[in-house]
Protein backbone atom coordinates (compact mmCIF):
# COMPACT_ATOMS: atom_id res chain seq x y z
CA MET A 1 84.41 -106.62 14.14
CA LYS A 2 85.12 -104.92 10.85
CA LYS A 3 82.66 -107.18 8.98
CA ILE A 4 79.92 -106.59 11.52
CA LEU A 5 80.40 -102.81 11.31
CA SER A 6 80.45 -102.92 7.50
CA ALA A 7 77.30 -105.03 7.31
CA SER A 8 75.56 -102.90 9.92
CA SER A 9 76.47 -99.70 8.12
CA LEU A 10 75.08 -101.00 4.83
CA LEU A 11 71.88 -102.21 6.51
CA ALA A 12 71.40 -98.92 8.41
CA ILE A 13 71.87 -96.89 5.21
CA ILE A 14 69.41 -99.09 3.29
CA VAL A 15 66.82 -98.89 6.08
CA GLY A 16 67.33 -95.13 6.35
CA THR A 17 66.85 -94.69 2.62
CA VAL A 18 63.63 -96.73 2.71
CA LEU A 19 62.37 -94.71 5.70
CA ILE A 20 63.13 -91.40 3.98
CA GLY A 21 61.33 -92.61 0.86
CA GLY A 22 58.35 -93.64 2.95
CA GLY A 23 58.33 -90.32 4.79
CA ILE A 24 58.41 -88.35 1.55
CA TRP A 25 55.64 -90.53 0.14
CA GLY A 26 53.56 -89.95 3.30
CA LEU A 27 53.99 -86.18 3.10
CA THR A 28 53.14 -86.13 -0.61
CA PHE A 29 50.16 -88.46 -0.21
CA THR A 30 48.71 -86.42 2.65
CA TYR A 31 49.29 -83.09 0.90
CA LYS A 32 47.65 -84.24 -2.35
CA ASN A 33 44.63 -85.71 -0.58
CA VAL A 34 44.09 -82.61 1.53
CA ALA A 35 44.62 -80.24 -1.42
CA ARG A 36 42.11 -82.01 -3.68
CA GLU A 37 39.31 -81.13 -1.24
CA ASN A 38 39.78 -77.39 -2.02
CA ILE A 39 39.15 -76.27 1.57
CA THR A 40 39.82 -72.65 2.50
CA THR A 41 39.79 -71.52 6.11
CA PRO A 42 36.98 -69.05 6.91
CA ASP A 43 37.72 -65.44 7.84
CA ASP A 44 37.17 -66.10 11.55
CA ALA A 45 39.68 -68.97 11.74
CA SER A 46 43.02 -68.57 13.53
CA ILE A 47 44.67 -68.68 10.09
CA PRO A 48 42.03 -66.88 7.98
CA GLY A 49 41.34 -67.17 4.27
CA VAL A 50 44.08 -69.60 3.22
CA PRO A 51 43.90 -72.96 1.46
CA VAL A 52 44.07 -75.89 3.87
CA ARG A 53 47.21 -77.84 3.01
CA GLY A 54 49.53 -78.44 5.97
CA PRO A 55 49.16 -79.34 9.63
CA PHE A 56 48.68 -75.77 10.86
CA THR A 57 45.85 -74.98 8.45
CA LEU A 58 44.31 -78.40 9.15
CA LYS A 59 44.29 -77.52 12.87
CA ALA A 60 42.86 -74.05 12.22
CA GLN A 61 40.04 -75.54 10.14
CA ALA A 62 39.24 -78.26 12.71
CA ASP A 63 39.16 -75.70 15.51
CA ILE A 64 36.83 -73.30 13.67
CA ILE A 65 34.44 -76.10 12.74
CA ARG A 66 34.10 -76.82 16.46
CA VAL A 67 33.53 -73.13 17.24
CA HIS A 68 30.86 -72.85 14.53
CA THR A 69 29.15 -76.04 15.68
CA LEU A 70 29.05 -74.85 19.29
CA ARG A 71 27.46 -71.60 18.09
CA MET A 72 24.80 -73.49 16.15
CA THR A 73 23.95 -75.76 19.08
CA GLY A 74 23.82 -73.09 21.76
CA GLY A 75 27.18 -74.05 23.25
CA LYS A 76 26.23 -77.69 23.77
CA THR A 77 28.15 -80.71 22.57
CA PHE A 78 26.57 -83.90 21.25
CA SER A 79 26.59 -85.61 24.64
CA GLU A 80 25.05 -82.60 26.39
CA MET A 81 21.92 -82.60 24.22
CA PRO A 82 18.95 -84.92 24.63
CA ARG A 83 18.32 -87.50 21.91
CA GLN A 84 14.72 -86.37 21.59
CA ILE A 85 13.00 -83.05 22.19
CA PRO A 86 9.32 -82.08 22.41
CA LYS A 87 7.65 -81.51 19.04
CA LEU A 88 6.32 -77.95 18.61
CA ASP A 89 3.48 -76.55 16.55
CA GLU A 90 3.64 -73.40 14.36
CA THR A 91 3.22 -71.13 17.38
CA GLY A 92 6.03 -72.80 19.32
CA LYS A 93 3.82 -74.69 21.76
CA GLN A 94 4.38 -78.35 22.61
CA ILE A 95 2.20 -80.87 20.83
CA LEU A 96 0.60 -83.29 23.27
CA ASP A 97 -0.69 -86.81 22.66
CA GLU A 98 -4.02 -88.26 23.84
CA GLU A 99 -2.61 -88.86 27.33
CA GLY A 100 -1.38 -85.29 27.68
CA LYS A 101 2.30 -86.23 27.29
CA ALA A 102 4.58 -84.27 25.00
CA VAL A 103 5.08 -85.78 21.54
CA MET A 104 8.82 -86.25 21.12
CA THR A 105 10.87 -85.85 17.95
CA ALA A 106 14.52 -86.38 17.04
CA ASN A 107 16.87 -83.59 18.12
CA THR A 108 18.28 -82.49 14.77
CA ALA A 109 20.85 -80.25 16.47
CA ARG A 110 22.67 -83.44 17.45
CA ASP A 111 22.98 -84.33 13.76
CA ILE A 112 25.09 -81.20 13.28
CA TRP A 113 27.59 -82.70 15.74
CA ILE A 114 27.75 -85.97 13.80
CA THR A 115 28.83 -84.08 10.69
CA ALA A 116 31.18 -81.79 12.61
CA THR A 117 32.81 -84.69 14.43
CA THR A 118 33.38 -86.50 11.14
CA LEU A 119 35.03 -83.45 9.57
CA ILE A 120 37.12 -82.64 12.65
CA THR A 121 38.31 -86.26 12.87
CA ALA A 122 39.32 -86.29 9.19
CA LEU A 123 41.26 -83.05 9.62
CA ASN A 124 42.95 -84.33 12.78
CA LEU A 125 43.94 -87.54 10.96
CA GLY A 126 45.63 -85.36 8.35
CA ILE A 127 47.64 -83.69 11.13
CA PHE A 128 48.56 -87.12 12.49
CA ALA A 129 49.62 -88.27 9.00
CA TYR A 130 51.94 -85.29 8.64
CA ALA A 131 53.44 -85.97 12.09
CA LEU A 132 53.98 -89.64 11.31
CA ALA A 133 55.59 -88.84 7.95
CA GLY A 134 57.88 -86.32 9.63
CA LEU A 135 58.85 -88.83 12.30
CA THR A 136 59.57 -91.42 9.62
CA LEU A 137 61.85 -88.94 7.84
CA LEU A 138 63.65 -88.21 11.09
CA PHE A 139 64.22 -91.91 11.81
CA GLY A 140 65.47 -92.33 8.26
CA LEU A 141 68.02 -89.56 8.71
CA PHE A 142 69.16 -91.03 12.04
CA SER A 143 69.50 -94.45 10.44
CA ILE A 144 71.61 -93.10 7.58
CA LEU A 145 73.75 -91.14 10.04
CA THR A 146 74.23 -94.32 12.09
CA GLY A 147 75.21 -96.18 8.93
CA VAL A 148 77.79 -93.52 8.05
CA ILE A 149 79.24 -93.67 11.57
CA PHE A 150 79.43 -97.46 11.44
CA TYR A 151 81.11 -97.28 8.03
CA THR A 152 83.66 -94.76 9.35
CA LEU A 153 84.36 -97.01 12.34
CA SER A 154 84.77 -100.06 10.10
CA ARG A 155 87.45 -98.23 8.07
CA LYS A 156 89.41 -97.31 11.22
CA TYR A 157 89.32 -100.72 12.89
């Protein structure tokens, strides 16, 4: 029993150390990659006028991008807008073809959502990366604590 506890304690401490190293690397990697983009939250964000670095500022930036995009598209999301809209002349009247049907053109307002969705997804992945790194650190600490407990038990028995 003593050998099993000793071996388990060593293994748990090694695994915990590796997990903590990985968690620290994940936090550092995410922070550096977010910081190099030089994003600052706009004045109307929930956390206004600060550099985007951690999970809370990432969330504030993602949320305000959605708000701004909804404003630009009249409150409609990508899926709520038609793919094509009638083409208009300089006076705002529909252009008709030879058969009297409206000439259709791409709805460029939907393109705004493509860009917004890409940015929001990238910001949300940053939040997820921070959460995963934090969870990895937590598991590492638990593993080391387990190793210490096993080591203490092996010395008693």
